Amino acid sequence: MKDDLILPLTRIVAIVVIPFLWLAFLILFFFPDQTGERFAWLITPHMTSLYIGAGYLGGSWLKKNSEVVSQFYANIRVGETACYYLSHFK
């Protein structure tokens, strides 16, 4: 099915986004005391910063394996849908 292919623009956006996810992981996971200076806001307690950083690392893994490696949207729709809903869950 040609309709199910992942577009080249989607792959380019994923490749551009992945380094920012890694950077956010490094800042949040290894420098939780300095989130006020290095991240958007001060995150307390520090364990919350570690969980958010781990989420960014997991997001980069999902982006790499789904949008860069996979060829068809059918292979990634469950992970992408779950990521979308969990990121908007409050």
Protein backbone atom coordinates (compact mmCIF):
# COMPACT_ATOMS: atom_id res chain seq x y z
CA MET A 1 0.00 0.00 0.00
CA LYS A 2 1.54 3.28 -1.05
CA ASP A 3 -0.92 5.24 1.11
CA ASP A 4 0.64 3.81 4.26
CA LEU A 5 4.21 5.01 3.65
CA ILE A 6 5.84 7.41 6.08
CA LEU A 7 6.53 10.68 4.27
CA PRO A 8 10.11 11.92 3.85
CA LEU A 9 9.21 15.18 5.62
CA THR A 10 8.08 13.18 8.65
CA ARG A 11 11.44 11.38 8.71
CA ILE A 12 13.32 14.69 8.46
CA VAL A 13 11.34 16.19 11.35
CA ALA A 14 12.01 13.09 13.46
CA ILE A 15 15.74 13.29 12.72
CA VAL A 16 15.75 16.96 13.75
CA VAL A 17 13.75 16.35 16.95
CA ILE A 18 15.76 13.38 18.27
CA PRO A 19 18.89 15.38 19.35
CA PHE A 20 16.67 17.79 21.32
CA LEU A 21 15.11 14.82 23.13
CA TRP A 22 18.60 13.54 23.98
CA LEU A 23 19.63 16.97 25.22
CA ALA A 24 16.55 17.20 27.43
CA PHE A 25 17.32 13.73 28.80
CA LEU A 26 20.91 14.70 29.63
CA ILE A 27 19.88 17.89 31.38
CA LEU A 28 17.04 16.36 33.38
CA PHE A 29 18.65 13.06 34.26
CA PHE A 30 22.23 14.07 35.04
CA PHE A 31 21.75 17.64 36.28
CA PRO A 32 18.49 17.61 38.30
CA ASP A 33 19.82 20.33 40.64
CA GLN A 34 20.24 22.77 37.76
CA THR A 35 16.90 22.42 35.98
CA GLY A 36 16.05 26.02 36.81
CA GLU A 37 19.02 27.28 34.79
CA ARG A 38 19.33 24.62 32.08
CA PHE A 39 15.69 23.65 31.50
CA ALA A 40 12.49 25.62 31.16
CA TRP A 41 11.70 25.72 34.91
CA LEU A 42 12.93 24.40 38.25
CA ILE A 43 11.65 20.87 38.81
CA THR A 44 11.30 19.66 42.39
CA PRO A 45 11.68 17.01 43.77
CA HIS A 46 14.68 15.71 41.86
CA MET A 47 13.08 12.31 41.29
CA THR A 48 10.46 14.00 39.10
CA SER A 49 13.24 15.37 36.93
CA LEU A 50 14.67 11.87 36.54
CA TYR A 51 11.29 10.45 35.48
CA ILE A 52 10.72 13.23 32.94
CA GLY A 53 14.26 12.75 31.58
CA ALA A 54 13.69 9.03 31.21
CA GLY A 55 10.48 9.81 29.33
CA TYR A 56 12.40 12.00 26.89
CA LEU A 57 14.90 9.17 26.32
CA GLY A 58 12.04 6.74 25.70
CA GLY A 59 10.48 9.23 23.28
CA SER A 60 13.71 9.47 21.32
CA TRP A 61 13.88 5.68 21.11
CA LEU A 62 10.30 5.58 19.87
CA LYS A 63 10.95 8.29 17.27
CA LYS A 64 14.10 6.59 16.01
CA ASN A 65 12.60 3.13 15.73
CA SER A 66 9.24 4.18 14.41
CA GLU A 67 9.66 7.10 12.07
CA VAL A 68 13.26 6.76 10.94
CA VAL A 69 13.62 2.97 10.68
CA SER A 70 10.10 1.80 9.86
CA GLN A 71 8.62 2.17 6.39
CA PHE A 72 4.90 1.92 7.05
CA TYR A 73 2.62 3.83 9.40
CA ALA A 74 0.79 0.61 10.31
CA ASN A 75 3.94 -0.54 12.13
CA ILE A 76 4.11 2.54 14.37
CA ARG A 77 0.50 3.60 14.94
CA VAL A 78 0.10 1.91 18.36
CA GLY A 79 3.25 3.46 19.85
CA GLU A 80 2.61 6.89 18.38
CA THR A 81 -1.03 6.91 19.51
CA ALA A 82 -0.06 5.84 23.03
CA CYS A 83 2.67 8.49 23.17
CA TYR A 84 0.21 11.16 22.05
CA TYR A 85 -2.46 10.27 24.62
CA LEU A 86 -0.03 9.79 27.51
CA SER A 87 1.65 13.14 26.84
CA HIS A 88 -1.74 14.87 27.06
CA PHE A 89 -2.93 12.94 30.13
CA LYS A 90 -3.36 15.24 33.13
